[in-house]
C-alpha atoms as a PDB file:
ATOM      1  CA  MET A   1      20.706   9.616   5.061  1.00  0.00           C
ATOM      2  CA  ASN A   2      23.710  11.942   5.048  1.00  0.00           C
ATOM      3  CA  ILE A   3      26.362  11.094   2.479  1.00  0.00           C
ATOM      4  CA  GLU A   4      29.841  12.610   2.333  1.00  0.00           C
ATOM      5  CA  PRO A   5      30.959  14.448  -0.827  1.00  0.00           C
ATOM      6  CA  VAL A   6      31.647  12.270  -3.849  1.00  0.00           C
ATOM      7  CA  GLU A   7      34.957  13.736  -5.042  1.00  0.00           C
ATOM      8  CA  ASP A   8      37.054  10.915  -3.589  1.00  0.00           C
ATOM      9  CA  ARG A   9      34.512   8.111  -3.764  1.00  0.00           C
ATOM     10  CA  CYS A  10      33.616   5.618  -6.464  1.00  0.00           C
ATOM     11  CA  PRO A  11      29.876   4.838  -6.776  1.00  0.00           C
ATOM     12  CA  VAL A  12      30.365   1.088  -6.409  1.00  0.00           C
ATOM     13  CA  GLU A  13      32.474   1.605  -3.289  1.00  0.00           C
ATOM     14  CA  PHE A  14      29.758   3.946  -2.008  1.00  0.00           C
ATOM     15  CA  ALA A  15      27.111   1.256  -2.539  1.00  0.00           C
ATOM     16  CA  VAL A  16      29.196  -1.459  -0.897  1.00  0.00           C
ATOM     17  CA  ASN A  17      29.858   0.798   2.083  1.00  0.00           C
ATOM     18  CA  MET A  18      26.132   1.496   2.407  1.00  0.00           C
ATOM     19  CA  ILE A  19      25.470  -2.244   2.591  1.00  0.00           C
ATOM     20  CA  GLY A  20      28.363  -2.758   4.965  1.00  0.00           C
ATOM     21  CA  GLY A  21      31.944  -3.967   4.912  1.00  0.00           C
ATOM     22  CA  LYS A  22      30.898  -7.338   6.295  1.00  0.00           C
ATOM     23  CA  TRP A  23      30.027  -8.470   2.753  1.00  0.00           C
ATOM     24  CA  LYS A  24      33.484  -7.941   1.245  1.00  0.00           C
ATOM     25  CA  LEU A  25      34.889 -11.380   2.111  1.00  0.00           C
ATOM     26  CA  LEU A  26      31.740 -13.032   0.860  1.00  0.00           C
ATOM     27  CA  ILE A  27      31.958 -11.125  -2.420  1.00  0.00           C
ATOM     28  CA  ILE A  28      35.493 -12.285  -3.081  1.00  0.00           C
ATOM     29  CA  ASN A  29      34.555 -15.870  -2.242  1.00  0.00           C
ATOM     30  CA  ARG A  30      31.610 -15.802  -4.649  1.00  0.00           C
ATOM     31  CA  LEU A  31      33.711 -14.248  -7.399  1.00  0.00           C
ATOM     32  CA  ILE A  32      36.138 -17.123  -7.267  1.00  0.00           C
ATOM     33  CA  ARG A  33      33.682 -19.989  -6.855  1.00  0.00           C
ATOM     34  CA  HIS A  34      30.774 -19.060  -9.123  1.00  0.00           C
ATOM     35  CA  SER A  35      31.963 -18.566 -12.660  1.00  0.00           C
ATOM     36  CA  THR A  36      28.463 -17.888 -14.047  1.00  0.00           C
ATOM     37  CA  ILE A  37      27.910 -14.939 -11.708  1.00  0.00           C
ATOM     38  CA  ARG A  38      29.869 -11.809 -12.573  1.00  0.00           C
ATOM     39  CA  PHE A  39      30.580  -8.851 -10.318  1.00  0.00           C
ATOM     40  CA  ASN A  40      32.991  -6.921 -12.570  1.00  0.00           C
ATOM     41  CA  GLU A  41      32.456  -3.539 -10.943  1.00  0.00           C
ATOM     42  CA  LEU A  42      32.892  -4.929  -7.432  1.00  0.00           C
ATOM     43  CA  GLN A  43      35.832  -7.067  -8.462  1.00  0.00           C
ATOM     44  CA  LYS A  44      37.531  -4.033 -10.019  1.00  0.00           C
ATOM     45  CA  MET A  45      36.970  -2.045  -6.837  1.00  0.00           C
ATOM     46  CA  LEU A  46      38.132  -4.787  -4.465  1.00  0.00           C
ATOM     47  CA  GLU A  47      40.980  -6.283  -6.507  1.00  0.00           C
ATOM     48  CA  GLY A  48      41.961  -3.423  -8.796  1.00  0.00           C
ATOM     49  CA  LYS A  49      41.281  -5.496 -11.914  1.00  0.00           C
ATOM     50  CA  ILE A  50      38.822  -7.885 -13.539  1.00  0.00           C
ATOM     51  CA  PHE A  51      39.926 -11.500 -13.847  1.00  0.00           C
ATOM     52  CA  GLY A  52      38.542 -15.016 -14.154  1.00  0.00           C
ATOM     53  CA  ARG A  53      36.522 -16.794 -16.784  1.00  0.00           C
ATOM     54  CA  ALA A  54      33.995 -14.831 -18.748  1.00  0.00           C
ATOM     55  CA  PRO A  55      30.480 -16.077 -18.054  1.00  0.00           C
ATOM     56  CA  GLU A  56      28.889 -18.315 -20.625  1.00  0.00           C
ATOM     57  CA  LEU A  57      26.332 -16.604 -22.793  1.00  0.00           C
ATOM     58  CA  ASP A  58      23.328 -18.602 -23.914  1.00  0.00           C
ATOM     59  CA  LEU A  59      22.257 -16.824 -27.093  1.00  0.00           C
ATOM     60  CA  ALA A  60      18.966 -18.727 -27.256  1.00  0.00           C
ATOM     61  CA  ILE A  61      17.943 -17.443 -23.822  1.00  0.00           C
ATOM     62  CA  GLU A  62      19.111 -13.932 -24.693  1.00  0.00           C
ATOM     63  CA  GLN A  63      17.143 -13.871 -27.955  1.00  0.00           C
ATOM     64  CA  LYS A  64      14.012 -15.357 -26.375  1.00  0.00           C
ATOM     65  CA  ARG A  65      13.989 -12.958 -23.428  1.00  0.00           C
ATOM     66  CA  GLN A  66      14.666  -9.903 -25.577  1.00  0.00           C
ATOM     67  CA  GLN A  67      11.897 -10.910 -28.001  1.00  0.00           C
ATOM     68  CA  GLN A  68       9.416 -11.390 -25.133  1.00  0.00           C
ATOM     69  CA  ILE A  69      10.300  -7.981 -23.675  1.00  0.00           C
ATOM     70  CA  LEU A  70      10.152  -6.286 -27.092  1.00  0.00           C
ATOM     71  CA  THR A  71       6.674  -7.754 -27.644  1.00  0.00           C
ATOM     72  CA  ALA A  72       5.567  -6.529 -24.199  1.00  0.00           C
ATOM     73  CA  ILE A  73       6.879  -3.040 -25.023  1.00  0.00           C
ATOM     74  CA  GLN A  74       5.138  -3.042 -28.415  1.00  0.00           C
ATOM     75  CA  LYS A  75       1.851  -4.035 -26.715  1.00  0.00           C
ATOM     76  CA  GLY A  76       2.175  -1.084 -24.325  1.00  0.00           C
ATOM     77  CA  LEU A  77       2.643  -3.239 -21.228  1.00  0.00           C
ATOM     78  CA  VAL A  78       5.999  -1.757 -20.162  1.00  0.00           C
ATOM     79  CA  ALA A  79       6.301   1.690 -18.568  1.00  0.00           C
ATOM     80  CA  SER A  80      10.120   1.655 -18.356  1.00  0.00           C
ATOM     81  CA  ALA A  81      13.003  -0.700 -19.102  1.00  0.00           C
ATOM     82  CA  HIS A  82      16.665  -0.913 -18.078  1.00  0.00           C
ATOM     83  CA  ASP A  83      19.257  -3.619 -18.676  1.00  0.00           C
ATOM     84  CA  LEU A  84      21.155  -5.107 -15.734  1.00  0.00           C
ATOM     85  CA  SER A  85      24.757  -4.691 -16.770  1.00  0.00           C
ATOM     86  CA  GLU A  86      27.626  -2.932 -14.996  1.00  0.00           C
ATOM     87  CA  GLY A  87      26.794  -2.854 -11.312  1.00  0.00           C
ATOM     88  CA  GLY A  88      23.766  -5.164 -11.623  1.00  0.00           C
ATOM     89  CA  LEU A  89      20.352  -4.524 -10.090  1.00  0.00           C
ATOM     90  CA  ALA A  90      21.590  -1.897  -7.616  1.00  0.00           C
ATOM     91  CA  VAL A  91      22.888   0.389 -10.354  1.00  0.00           C
ATOM     92  CA  ALA A  92      19.901  -0.242 -12.652  1.00  0.00           C
ATOM     93  CA  LEU A  93      17.455   0.648  -9.860  1.00  0.00           C
ATOM     94  CA  ALA A  94      19.299   3.860  -9.064  1.00  0.00           C
ATOM     95  CA  GLU A  95      19.704   4.897 -12.715  1.00  0.00           C
ATOM     96  CA  SER A  96      16.010   4.234 -13.374  1.00  0.00           C
ATOM     97  CA  LEU A  97      15.076   6.728 -10.664  1.00  0.00           C
ATOM     98  CA  PHE A  98      17.336   9.562 -11.805  1.00  0.00           C
ATOM     99  CA  GLY A  99      15.276  12.405 -13.226  1.00  0.00           C
ATOM    100  CA  ALA A 100      12.046  10.578 -12.397  1.00  0.00           C
ATOM    101  CA  SER A 101      10.344  13.569 -10.770  1.00  0.00           C
ATOM    102  CA  LYS A 102      10.528  12.599  -7.087  1.00  0.00           C
ATOM    103  CA  LEU A 103       9.790   8.920  -7.637  1.00  0.00           C
ATOM    104  CA  GLY A 104      11.381   6.170  -5.587  1.00  0.00           C
ATOM    105  CA  ALA A 105      11.203   2.401  -5.326  1.00  0.00           C
ATOM    106  CA  LYS A 106      10.694  -0.193  -2.622  1.00  0.00           C
ATOM    107  CA  VAL A 107      12.267  -3.519  -3.569  1.00  0.00           C
ATOM    108  CA  ASN A 108      12.358  -6.905  -1.872  1.00  0.00           C
ATOM    109  CA  ILE A 109      15.196  -9.306  -2.667  1.00  0.00           C
ATOM    110  CA  SER A 110      15.117 -12.989  -1.781  1.00  0.00           C
ATOM    111  CA  GLY A 111      18.698 -14.189  -2.027  1.00  0.00           C
ATOM    112  CA  GLU A 112      22.045 -13.177  -0.619  1.00  0.00           C
ATOM    113  CA  PRO A 113      22.080  -9.341  -0.830  1.00  0.00           C
ATOM    114  CA  VAL A 114      25.392  -8.807  -2.640  1.00  0.00           C
ATOM    115  CA  SER A 115      24.556 -11.422  -5.288  1.00  0.00           C
ATOM    116  CA  GLU A 116      21.054 -10.078  -5.769  1.00  0.00           C
ATOM    117  CA  LEU A 117      22.144  -6.443  -5.996  1.00  0.00           C
ATOM    118  CA  PHE A 118      25.442  -6.574  -7.907  1.00  0.00           C
ATOM    119  CA  SER A 119      25.373  -9.723 -10.058  1.00  0.00           C
ATOM    120  CA  GLU A 120      25.988  -9.009 -13.748  1.00  0.00           C
ATOM    121  CA  THR A 121      24.661 -12.267 -15.158  1.00  0.00           C
ATOM    122  CA  GLN A 122      23.149 -12.312 -18.631  1.00  0.00           C
ATOM    123  CA  SER A 123      19.653 -11.663 -19.886  1.00  0.00           C
ATOM    124  CA  ARG A 124      18.285  -9.718 -16.942  1.00  0.00           C
ATOM    125  CA  PHE A 125      16.251  -6.542 -17.165  1.00  0.00           C
ATOM    126  CA  LEU A 126      14.554  -4.161 -14.767  1.00  0.00           C
ATOM    127  CA  LEU A 127      11.089  -3.324 -16.057  1.00  0.00           C
ATOM    128  CA  SER A 128       8.267  -1.324 -14.558  1.00  0.00           C
ATOM    129  CA  ILE A 129       4.674  -2.000 -15.489  1.00  0.00           C
ATOM    130  CA  ASN A 130       1.335  -0.574 -14.453  1.00  0.00           C
ATOM    131  CA  PRO A 131      -0.436  -2.881 -11.974  1.00  0.00           C
ATOM    132  CA  GLU A 132      -3.374  -3.359 -14.382  1.00  0.00           C
ATOM    133  CA  ASN A 133      -0.923  -4.844 -16.934  1.00  0.00           C
ATOM    134  CA  LYS A 134       0.705  -7.309 -14.530  1.00  0.00           C
ATOM    135  CA  ALA A 135      -1.229 -10.440 -15.562  1.00  0.00           C
ATOM    136  CA  ALA A 136      -0.809  -9.799 -19.292  1.00  0.00           C
ATOM    137  CA  PHE A 137       2.881  -9.035 -18.834  1.00  0.00           C
ATOM    138  CA  GLU A 138       3.538 -12.157 -16.753  1.00  0.00           C
ATOM    139  CA  ALA A 139       1.711 -14.292 -19.318  1.00  0.00           C
ATOM    140  CA  LEU A 140       3.937 -12.930 -22.068  1.00  0.00           C
ATOM    141  CA  VAL A 141       7.335 -12.735 -20.346  1.00  0.00           C
ATOM    142  CA  GLU A 142       8.472 -16.054 -18.890  1.00  0.00           C
ATOM    143  CA  ASP A 143      10.375 -16.012 -15.615  1.00  0.00           C
ATOM    144  CA  ALA A 144       9.269 -12.462 -14.778  1.00  0.00           C
ATOM    145  CA  ILE A 145       9.436 -11.826 -11.055  1.00  0.00           C
ATOM    146  CA  CYS A 146       7.828  -8.862  -9.315  1.00  0.00           C
ATOM    147  CA  ILE A 147      10.414  -7.489  -6.884  1.00  0.00           C
ATOM    148  CA  GLY A 148       8.767  -4.280  -5.736  1.00  0.00           C
ATOM    149  CA  SER A 149       6.914  -1.132  -6.583  1.00  0.00           C
ATOM    150  CA  VAL A 150       7.434   2.479  -7.559  1.00  0.00           C
ATOM    151  CA  THR A 151       6.877   4.915  -4.686  1.00  0.00           C
ATOM    152  CA  ALA A 152       6.370   8.680  -4.431  1.00  0.00           C
ATOM    153  CA  ASP A 153       8.966   9.319  -1.696  1.00  0.00           C
ATOM    154  CA  ASN A 154      12.185   9.904  -3.716  1.00  0.00           C
ATOM    155  CA  LYS A 155      13.957   7.044  -1.878  1.00  0.00           C
ATOM    156  CA  LEU A 156      15.381   3.703  -2.927  1.00  0.00           C
ATOM    157  CA  VAL A 157      14.624   1.099  -0.270  1.00  0.00           C
ATOM    158  CA  VAL A 158      15.837  -2.487  -0.576  1.00  0.00           C
ATOM    159  CA  GLU A 159      14.765  -5.129   1.934  1.00  0.00           C
ATOM    160  CA  THR A 160      15.331  -8.856   2.207  1.00  0.00           C
ATOM    161  CA  SER A 161      12.531 -11.411   2.343  1.00  0.00           C
ATOM    162  CA  SER A 162      12.883 -11.320   6.159  1.00  0.00           C
ATOM    163  CA  ASP A 163      12.128  -7.538   6.105  1.00  0.00           C
ATOM    164  CA  SER A 164      15.711  -6.652   6.959  1.00  0.00           C
ATOM    165  CA  LYS A 165      16.568  -3.287   5.384  1.00  0.00           C
ATOM    166  CA  VAL A 166      19.694  -3.603   3.215  1.00  0.00           C
ATOM    167  CA  LEU A 167      19.646  -0.133   1.684  1.00  0.00           C
ATOM    168  CA  GLU A 168      17.750   3.114   2.112  1.00  0.00           C
ATOM    169  CA  ALA A 169      18.966   6.216   0.317  1.00  0.00           C
ATOM    170  CA  ASP A 170      17.606   9.399  -1.189  1.00  0.00           C
ATOM    171  CA  VAL A 171      17.655   9.322  -4.986  1.00  0.00           C
ATOM    172  CA  GLU A 172      19.543  12.642  -5.079  1.00  0.00           C
ATOM    173  CA  ASP A 173      22.338  11.162  -2.939  1.00  0.00           C
ATOM    174  CA  LEU A 174      22.589   8.145  -5.236  1.00  0.00           C
ATOM    175  CA  GLN A 175      22.709  10.376  -8.295  1.00  0.00           C
ATOM    176  CA  THR A 176      25.462  12.520  -6.769  1.00  0.00           C
ATOM    177  CA  ALA A 177      27.545   9.376  -6.167  1.00  0.00           C
ATOM    178  CA  TRP A 178      26.772   8.068  -9.661  1.00  0.00           C
ATOM    179  CA  LYS A 179      27.839  11.355 -11.282  1.00  0.00           C
ATOM    180  CA  GLY A 180      31.226  10.935  -9.612  1.00  0.00           C
ATOM    181  CA  ALA A 181      31.953   7.673 -11.463  1.00  0.00           C
ATOM    182  CA  ILE A 182      33.912   9.103 -14.392  1.00  0.00           C
ATOM    183  CA  PRO A 183      36.125  11.422 -12.316  1.00  0.00           C
ATOM    184  CA  CYS A 184      36.740   8.507  -9.936  1.00  0.00           C
ATOM    185  CA  LEU A 185      37.750   6.186 -12.774  1.00  0.00           C
ATOM    186  CA  LEU A 186      40.077   8.782 -14.283  1.00  0.00           C
ATOM    187  CA  LYS A 187      42.172   9.019 -11.104  1.00  0.00           C
END
């Protein structure tokens, strides 16, 4: 995929444009109607500011999930870990691949693509595990869902459950866009 220079582009805008402008109205609608789902980075890009109710934070869920993941890490079951915060799953996937020596990822999402990729809801993490550790990991970490695999092709590929390709990009192109975030925000 050929991507234009990043000087005048924000990474979130870049990602939205890769998915397609058709999602923009849907994003705004979901921002207004679903107070537990946050899209701060998209909202800032589309509206110029962040507004609305802050999502509720269930500290019991947060503590439980973090303890389960910490235990899995201490047992050697986790190869890598990344929180899903600003920018959601899309940004966490990209950041996890930066500097990963030509590695990529193929991911399958089941819900509405913008919600699945950019939601900033609480207590979510992107973890990679070796296949031989999958059963032990899933027994330890409740609600863990396998969404894909690490590849050796230096590409991030995201598909829906109906095998529709939502995103395919070279990791270097994503990193170039990501590196432009601070200059973009300072404008």
